Amino acid sequence: MDYETQRRLMCELGRKMWDRGWVAANDGNLSRRLGEGLFLVTPAGVSKGALTTDMLLVVDSLGRMTAPSSYRPSSELPLHLACYQARPDVGAVCHAHPPAATAFACAHLGLEEPLLGEAVMALGPVPCAPYGRTGTAELPAAVLPFLPGHDALLLANHGAVTLGPDLERAYWRMEILEHTAQIHLNVRLLGGGVPLAPEQAAALRGGA
């Protein structure tokens, strides 16, 4: 995928996040690894429903912009950079506040019980990382221990972050995460679910 197509895709997925109600006002952010230590990121202070390609920024591995701009990177950039540093296989990061998943995050509850087969295959267990204040070094520090082996995380009292080899798959994992959280909420209304047996879950994860 060429550079301009990547920029258009980032704006398109930002609008989808806003349309789906995963972000409000200027919440949420997206990033994409470009190679050679560079990253394409969404700016601060802009609704994801109003993104245009000229607003997007390129930063280096220290978060420094590579060209002057009237925009600045999101305050959550350190979270994104921590994901890339810890996981060389990650090509894109999606951060949002989808309501059902964020409700679990505010309750400090992960989505780790294997209730839905598709979620087991697509996400695996989704833990809830401890609280770290947004826009500070606390947040990436809280997330760092959970990054190995997890492509989706809840952020206590904050929201969620999903990782993927590319932008589309990072976005899709956020979509699956929110869908799974809604199902878990409905299961709780019914009095509780019946999880898959350990061997059933392992087979879905490719462990059997």
C-alpha atoms as a PDB file:
ATOM      1  CA  MET A   1       0.000   0.000   0.000  1.00  0.00           C
ATOM      2  CA  ASP A   2       1.522   3.328  -1.049  1.00  0.00           C
ATOM      3  CA  TYR A   3       1.986   6.283   1.298  1.00  0.00           C
ATOM      4  CA  GLU A   4      -0.963   8.361   0.072  1.00  0.00           C
ATOM      5  CA  THR A   5      -3.289   5.362   0.250  1.00  0.00           C
ATOM      6  CA  GLN A   6      -2.201   4.786   3.849  1.00  0.00           C
ATOM      7  CA  ARG A   7      -3.002   8.412   4.693  1.00  0.00           C
ATOM      8  CA  ARG A   8      -6.464   8.186   3.132  1.00  0.00           C
ATOM      9  CA  LEU A   9      -7.122   4.902   4.936  1.00  0.00           C
ATOM     10  CA  MET A  10      -6.183   6.433   8.300  1.00  0.00           C
ATOM     11  CA  CYS A  11      -8.700   9.234   7.764  1.00  0.00           C
ATOM     12  CA  GLU A  12     -11.368   6.752   6.634  1.00  0.00           C
ATOM     13  CA  LEU A  13     -10.891   4.553   9.704  1.00  0.00           C
ATOM     14  CA  GLY A  14     -10.898   7.608  11.978  1.00  0.00           C
ATOM     15  CA  ARG A  15     -14.288   8.576  10.554  1.00  0.00           C
ATOM     16  CA  LYS A  16     -15.562   5.029  11.106  1.00  0.00           C
ATOM     17  CA  MET A  17     -14.462   5.188  14.749  1.00  0.00           C
ATOM     18  CA  TRP A  18     -16.389   8.435  15.184  1.00  0.00           C
ATOM     19  CA  ASP A  19     -19.450   7.150  13.294  1.00  0.00           C
ATOM     20  CA  ARG A  20     -19.598   4.060  15.512  1.00  0.00           C
ATOM     21  CA  GLY A  21     -19.481   6.133  18.685  1.00  0.00           C
ATOM     22  CA  TRP A  22     -16.153   4.756  19.838  1.00  0.00           C
ATOM     23  CA  VAL A  23     -14.802   8.286  20.300  1.00  0.00           C
ATOM     24  CA  ALA A  24     -16.339  11.632  21.232  1.00  0.00           C
ATOM     25  CA  ALA A  25     -15.105  15.130  20.482  1.00  0.00           C
ATOM     26  CA  ASN A  26     -11.323  14.844  19.932  1.00  0.00           C
ATOM     27  CA  ASP A  27     -10.864  11.434  21.606  1.00  0.00           C
ATOM     28  CA  GLY A  28      -8.956   8.493  20.169  1.00  0.00           C
ATOM     29  CA  ASN A  29      -5.969   8.148  17.881  1.00  0.00           C
ATOM     30  CA  LEU A  30      -4.433   5.978  15.185  1.00  0.00           C
ATOM     31  CA  SER A  31      -0.873   5.351  14.104  1.00  0.00           C
ATOM     32  CA  ARG A  32       0.950   3.391  11.427  1.00  0.00           C
ATOM     33  CA  ARG A  33       4.561   2.231  11.203  1.00  0.00           C
ATOM     34  CA  LEU A  34       6.211   3.614   8.052  1.00  0.00           C
ATOM     35  CA  GLY A  35       9.617   1.980   8.397  1.00  0.00           C
ATOM     36  CA  GLU A  36      13.052   3.489   9.024  1.00  0.00           C
ATOM     37  CA  GLY A  37      11.957   4.527  12.517  1.00  0.00           C
ATOM     38  CA  LEU A  38       9.098   6.727  11.287  1.00  0.00           C
ATOM     39  CA  PHE A  39       5.390   6.644  12.123  1.00  0.00           C
ATOM     40  CA  LEU A  40       2.252   8.223  10.665  1.00  0.00           C
ATOM     41  CA  VAL A  41      -0.001   9.535  13.461  1.00  0.00           C
ATOM     42  CA  THR A  42      -3.253  11.417  13.942  1.00  0.00           C
ATOM     43  CA  PRO A  43      -3.036  14.918  15.436  1.00  0.00           C
ATOM     44  CA  ALA A  44      -4.260  16.223  18.783  1.00  0.00           C
ATOM     45  CA  GLY A  45      -7.331  18.414  19.013  1.00  0.00           C
ATOM     46  CA  VAL A  46      -9.120  17.100  15.926  1.00  0.00           C
ATOM     47  CA  SER A  47     -12.281  14.980  15.814  1.00  0.00           C
ATOM     48  CA  LYS A  48     -11.609  11.646  14.154  1.00  0.00           C
ATOM     49  CA  GLY A  49     -14.761  12.327  12.146  1.00  0.00           C
ATOM     50  CA  ALA A  50     -13.150  15.388  10.584  1.00  0.00           C
ATOM     51  CA  LEU A  51      -9.682  14.090   9.708  1.00  0.00           C
ATOM     52  CA  THR A  52      -8.110  15.062   6.406  1.00  0.00           C
ATOM     53  CA  THR A  53      -4.819  13.807   5.034  1.00  0.00           C
ATOM     54  CA  ASP A  54      -3.065  17.166   5.452  1.00  0.00           C
ATOM     55  CA  MET A  55      -3.623  16.955   9.226  1.00  0.00           C
ATOM     56  CA  LEU A  56      -1.666  13.722   9.648  1.00  0.00           C
ATOM     57  CA  LEU A  57       1.853  13.889  11.033  1.00  0.00           C
ATOM     58  CA  VAL A  58       5.045  11.889  10.636  1.00  0.00           C
ATOM     59  CA  VAL A  59       7.133  11.431  13.785  1.00  0.00           C
ATOM     60  CA  ASP A  60      10.315   9.579  14.638  1.00  0.00           C
ATOM     61  CA  SER A  61      10.812   6.958  17.358  1.00  0.00           C
ATOM     62  CA  LEU A  62      11.236   9.730  19.953  1.00  0.00           C
ATOM     63  CA  GLY A  63       7.977  11.395  18.953  1.00  0.00           C
ATOM     64  CA  ARG A  64       9.600  14.336  17.147  1.00  0.00           C
ATOM     65  CA  MET A  65       7.807  15.680  14.084  1.00  0.00           C
ATOM     66  CA  THR A  66       9.799  15.375  10.876  1.00  0.00           C
ATOM     67  CA  ALA A  67       8.291  18.504   9.301  1.00  0.00           C
ATOM     68  CA  PRO A  68       6.739  21.747  10.606  1.00  0.00           C
ATOM     69  CA  SER A  69       2.976  21.710  11.055  1.00  0.00           C
ATOM     70  CA  SER A  70       0.234  23.742  12.704  1.00  0.00           C
ATOM     71  CA  TYR A  71      -0.897  20.471  14.292  1.00  0.00           C
ATOM     72  CA  ARG A  72       0.794  18.535  17.086  1.00  0.00           C
ATOM     73  CA  PRO A  73       0.840  14.798  17.819  1.00  0.00           C
ATOM     74  CA  SER A  74      -1.697  13.258  20.153  1.00  0.00           C
ATOM     75  CA  SER A  75      -0.802  13.236  23.843  1.00  0.00           C
ATOM     76  CA  GLU A  76      -1.174   9.442  23.627  1.00  0.00           C
ATOM     77  CA  LEU A  77       1.778   9.164  21.236  1.00  0.00           C
ATOM     78  CA  PRO A  78       4.022   7.659  23.979  1.00  0.00           C
ATOM     79  CA  LEU A  79       1.513   4.804  24.313  1.00  0.00           C
ATOM     80  CA  HIS A  80       1.744   4.092  20.589  1.00  0.00           C
ATOM     81  CA  LEU A  81       5.539   4.287  20.558  1.00  0.00           C
ATOM     82  CA  ALA A  82       5.744   1.901  23.527  1.00  0.00           C
ATOM     83  CA  CYS A  83       3.651  -0.615  21.581  1.00  0.00           C
ATOM     84  CA  TYR A  84       5.963  -0.408  18.580  1.00  0.00           C
ATOM     85  CA  GLN A  85       9.099  -0.673  20.687  1.00  0.00           C
ATOM     86  CA  ALA A  86       7.824  -3.724  22.577  1.00  0.00           C
ATOM     87  CA  ARG A  87       6.361  -5.456  19.527  1.00  0.00           C
ATOM     88  CA  PRO A  88       8.383  -5.278  16.291  1.00  0.00           C
ATOM     89  CA  ASP A  89       5.605  -7.284  14.615  1.00  0.00           C
ATOM     90  CA  VAL A  90       3.083  -4.472  15.189  1.00  0.00           C
ATOM     91  CA  GLY A  91       2.472  -2.239  12.183  1.00  0.00           C
ATOM     92  CA  ALA A  92      -0.423  -0.156  13.501  1.00  0.00           C
ATOM     93  CA  VAL A  93      -2.134   0.882  16.742  1.00  0.00           C
ATOM     94  CA  CYS A  94      -5.748   1.918  17.381  1.00  0.00           C
ATOM     95  CA  HIS A  95      -6.826   3.655  20.602  1.00  0.00           C
ATOM     96  CA  ALA A  96     -10.467   4.456  21.324  1.00  0.00           C
ATOM     97  CA  HIS A  97     -13.146   4.582  24.031  1.00  0.00           C
ATOM     98  CA  PRO A  98     -15.830   2.178  22.752  1.00  0.00           C
ATOM     99  CA  PRO A  99     -18.643   2.275  25.343  1.00  0.00           C
ATOM    100  CA  ALA A 100     -19.072  -1.390  26.269  1.00  0.00           C
ATOM    101  CA  ALA A 101     -15.352  -2.196  26.349  1.00  0.00           C
ATOM    102  CA  THR A 102     -14.674   1.019  28.276  1.00  0.00           C
ATOM    103  CA  ALA A 103     -17.346   0.073  30.808  1.00  0.00           C
ATOM    104  CA  PHE A 104     -15.354  -3.077  31.568  1.00  0.00           C
ATOM    105  CA  ALA A 105     -12.181  -0.961  31.762  1.00  0.00           C
ATOM    106  CA  CYS A 106     -13.841   1.376  34.261  1.00  0.00           C
ATOM    107  CA  ALA A 107     -14.823  -1.654  36.343  1.00  0.00           C
ATOM    108  CA  HIS A 108     -11.226  -2.954  36.079  1.00  0.00           C
ATOM    109  CA  LEU A 109     -12.544  -6.137  34.501  1.00  0.00           C
ATOM    110  CA  GLY A 110     -10.804  -7.860  31.628  1.00  0.00           C
ATOM    111  CA  LEU A 111     -12.534  -9.877  28.921  1.00  0.00           C
ATOM    112  CA  GLU A 112     -10.580 -13.045  29.569  1.00  0.00           C
ATOM    113  CA  GLU A 113     -13.312 -15.654  29.973  1.00  0.00           C
ATOM    114  CA  PRO A 114     -13.565 -17.673  26.717  1.00  0.00           C
ATOM    115  CA  LEU A 115     -17.267 -17.223  26.002  1.00  0.00           C
ATOM    116  CA  LEU A 116     -17.272 -16.446  22.284  1.00  0.00           C
ATOM    117  CA  GLY A 117     -15.309 -18.694  19.942  1.00  0.00           C
ATOM    118  CA  GLU A 118     -14.674 -15.992  17.353  1.00  0.00           C
ATOM    119  CA  ALA A 119     -13.234 -13.677  20.010  1.00  0.00           C
ATOM    120  CA  VAL A 120     -10.958 -16.445  21.284  1.00  0.00           C
ATOM    121  CA  MET A 121      -9.555 -16.877  17.768  1.00  0.00           C
ATOM    122  CA  ALA A 122      -9.329 -13.191  16.852  1.00  0.00           C
ATOM    123  CA  LEU A 123      -8.241 -11.649  20.153  1.00  0.00           C
ATOM    124  CA  GLY A 124      -7.490 -14.238  22.789  1.00  0.00           C
ATOM    125  CA  PRO A 125      -7.897 -13.132  26.411  1.00  0.00           C
ATOM    126  CA  VAL A 126      -8.105  -9.362  26.836  1.00  0.00           C
ATOM    127  CA  PRO A 127      -6.668  -8.203  30.184  1.00  0.00           C
ATOM    128  CA  CYS A 128      -7.236  -4.850  31.836  1.00  0.00           C
ATOM    129  CA  ALA A 129      -4.025  -2.897  32.429  1.00  0.00           C
ATOM    130  CA  PRO A 130      -3.782  -0.818  35.628  1.00  0.00           C
ATOM    131  CA  TYR A 131      -4.652   2.865  35.563  1.00  0.00           C
ATOM    132  CA  GLY A 132      -2.089   5.239  34.114  1.00  0.00           C
ATOM    133  CA  ARG A 133      -2.871   8.918  33.697  1.00  0.00           C
ATOM    134  CA  THR A 134      -3.550   9.846  30.104  1.00  0.00           C
ATOM    135  CA  GLY A 135      -0.869  11.833  28.330  1.00  0.00           C
ATOM    136  CA  THR A 136       1.846  10.863  30.823  1.00  0.00           C
ATOM    137  CA  ALA A 137       4.562   8.207  31.038  1.00  0.00           C
ATOM    138  CA  GLU A 138       2.338   6.351  33.527  1.00  0.00           C
ATOM    139  CA  LEU A 139       0.110   5.021  30.759  1.00  0.00           C
ATOM    140  CA  PRO A 140       2.724   3.259  28.580  1.00  0.00           C
ATOM    141  CA  ALA A 141       4.399   1.978  31.768  1.00  0.00           C
ATOM    142  CA  ALA A 142       1.098   0.428  32.887  1.00  0.00           C
ATOM    143  CA  VAL A 143       0.542  -1.200  29.495  1.00  0.00           C
ATOM    144  CA  LEU A 144       4.072  -2.449  28.844  1.00  0.00           C
ATOM    145  CA  PRO A 145       3.918  -5.703  30.892  1.00  0.00           C
ATOM    146  CA  PHE A 146       0.788  -6.789  28.980  1.00  0.00           C
ATOM    147  CA  LEU A 147       2.013  -6.163  25.434  1.00  0.00           C
ATOM    148  CA  PRO A 148       3.781  -9.501  24.844  1.00  0.00           C
ATOM    149  CA  GLY A 149       1.165 -11.963  23.678  1.00  0.00           C
ATOM    150  CA  HIS A 150      -1.819  -9.581  23.620  1.00  0.00           C
ATOM    151  CA  ASP A 151      -3.215  -7.730  20.610  1.00  0.00           C
ATOM    152  CA  ALA A 152      -6.022  -6.044  22.579  1.00  0.00           C
ATOM    153  CA  LEU A 153      -5.953  -4.436  26.014  1.00  0.00           C
ATOM    154  CA  LEU A 154      -8.385  -2.559  28.204  1.00  0.00           C
ATOM    155  CA  LEU A 155      -6.982   0.539  29.915  1.00  0.00           C
ATOM    156  CA  ALA A 156      -8.376   0.999  33.433  1.00  0.00           C
ATOM    157  CA  ASN A 157     -10.686   4.031  33.722  1.00  0.00           C
ATOM    158  CA  HIS A 158      -9.782   5.039  30.191  1.00  0.00           C
ATOM    159  CA  GLY A 159     -10.557   2.925  27.120  1.00  0.00           C
ATOM    160  CA  ALA A 160      -8.919   0.310  24.933  1.00  0.00           C
ATOM    161  CA  VAL A 161      -5.973  -0.203  22.603  1.00  0.00           C
ATOM    162  CA  THR A 162      -5.629  -2.734  19.804  1.00  0.00           C
ATOM    163  CA  LEU A 163      -2.596  -3.718  17.746  1.00  0.00           C
ATOM    164  CA  GLY A 164      -2.259  -5.154  14.272  1.00  0.00           C
ATOM    165  CA  PRO A 165       0.192  -5.772  11.453  1.00  0.00           C
ATOM    166  CA  ASP A 166      -1.575  -3.003   9.539  1.00  0.00           C
ATOM    167  CA  LEU A 167      -4.177  -0.286  10.108  1.00  0.00           C
ATOM    168  CA  GLU A 168      -7.161  -2.290   8.958  1.00  0.00           C
ATOM    169  CA  ARG A 169      -6.439  -5.208  11.264  1.00  0.00           C
ATOM    170  CA  ALA A 170      -5.780  -2.941  14.255  1.00  0.00           C
ATOM    171  CA  TYR A 171      -9.163  -1.309  13.555  1.00  0.00           C
ATOM    172  CA  TRP A 172     -10.916  -4.662  13.068  1.00  0.00           C
ATOM    173  CA  ARG A 173      -9.616  -5.862  16.419  1.00  0.00           C
ATOM    174  CA  MET A 174     -11.176  -2.811  18.075  1.00  0.00           C
ATOM    175  CA  GLU A 175     -14.437  -3.677  16.310  1.00  0.00           C
ATOM    176  CA  ILE A 176     -14.257  -7.285  17.548  1.00  0.00           C
ATOM    177  CA  LEU A 177     -13.323  -6.100  21.047  1.00  0.00           C
ATOM    178  CA  GLU A 178     -16.368  -3.848  21.331  1.00  0.00           C
ATOM    179  CA  HIS A 179     -18.672  -6.520  19.904  1.00  0.00           C
ATOM    180  CA  THR A 180     -17.282  -9.023  22.412  1.00  0.00           C
ATOM    181  CA  ALA A 181     -17.739  -6.593  25.300  1.00  0.00           C
ATOM    182  CA  GLN A 182     -21.387  -6.068  24.329  1.00  0.00           C
ATOM    183  CA  ILE A 183     -21.932  -9.839  24.319  1.00  0.00           C
ATOM    184  CA  HIS A 184     -20.270 -10.183  27.736  1.00  0.00           C
ATOM    185  CA  LEU A 185     -22.582  -7.476  29.105  1.00  0.00           C
ATOM    186  CA  ASN A 186     -25.638  -9.279  27.723  1.00  0.00           C
ATOM    187  CA  VAL A 187     -24.433 -12.580  29.175  1.00  0.00           C
ATOM    188  CA  ARG A 188     -24.219 -10.923  32.591  1.00  0.00           C
ATOM    189  CA  LEU A 189     -27.826  -9.751  32.223  1.00  0.00           C
ATOM    190  CA  LEU A 190     -28.785 -13.395  31.708  1.00  0.00           C
ATOM    191  CA  GLY A 191     -27.075 -14.393  34.937  1.00  0.00           C
ATOM    192  CA  GLY A 192     -23.746 -15.538  33.530  1.00  0.00           C
ATOM    193  CA  GLY A 193     -22.358 -17.480  30.600  1.00  0.00           C
ATOM    194  CA  VAL A 194     -20.977 -20.938  30.040  1.00  0.00           C
ATOM    195  CA  PRO A 195     -17.322 -20.624  29.010  1.00  0.00           C
ATOM    196  CA  LEU A 196     -15.620 -22.945  26.591  1.00  0.00           C
ATOM    197  CA  ALA A 197     -13.721 -25.822  28.160  1.00  0.00           C
ATOM    198  CA  PRO A 198      -9.950 -25.261  28.331  1.00  0.00           C
ATOM    199  CA  GLU A 199      -9.311 -27.806  25.587  1.00  0.00           C
ATOM    200  CA  GLN A 200     -11.954 -26.182  23.349  1.00  0.00           C
ATOM    201  CA  ALA A 201     -10.400 -22.744  23.811  1.00  0.00           C
ATOM    202  CA  ALA A 202      -6.911 -24.144  23.202  1.00  0.00           C
ATOM    203  CA  ALA A 203      -8.061 -25.766  19.950  1.00  0.00           C
ATOM    204  CA  LEU A 204      -9.448 -22.439  18.740  1.00  0.00           C
ATOM    205  CA  ARG A 205      -6.147 -20.731  19.572  1.00  0.00           C
ATOM    206  CA  GLY A 206      -4.269 -23.366  17.598  1.00  0.00           C
ATOM    207  CA  GLY A 207      -2.905 -25.075  20.666  1.00  0.00           C
ATOM    208  CA  ALA A 208      -4.445 -28.464  19.922  1.00  0.00           C
END
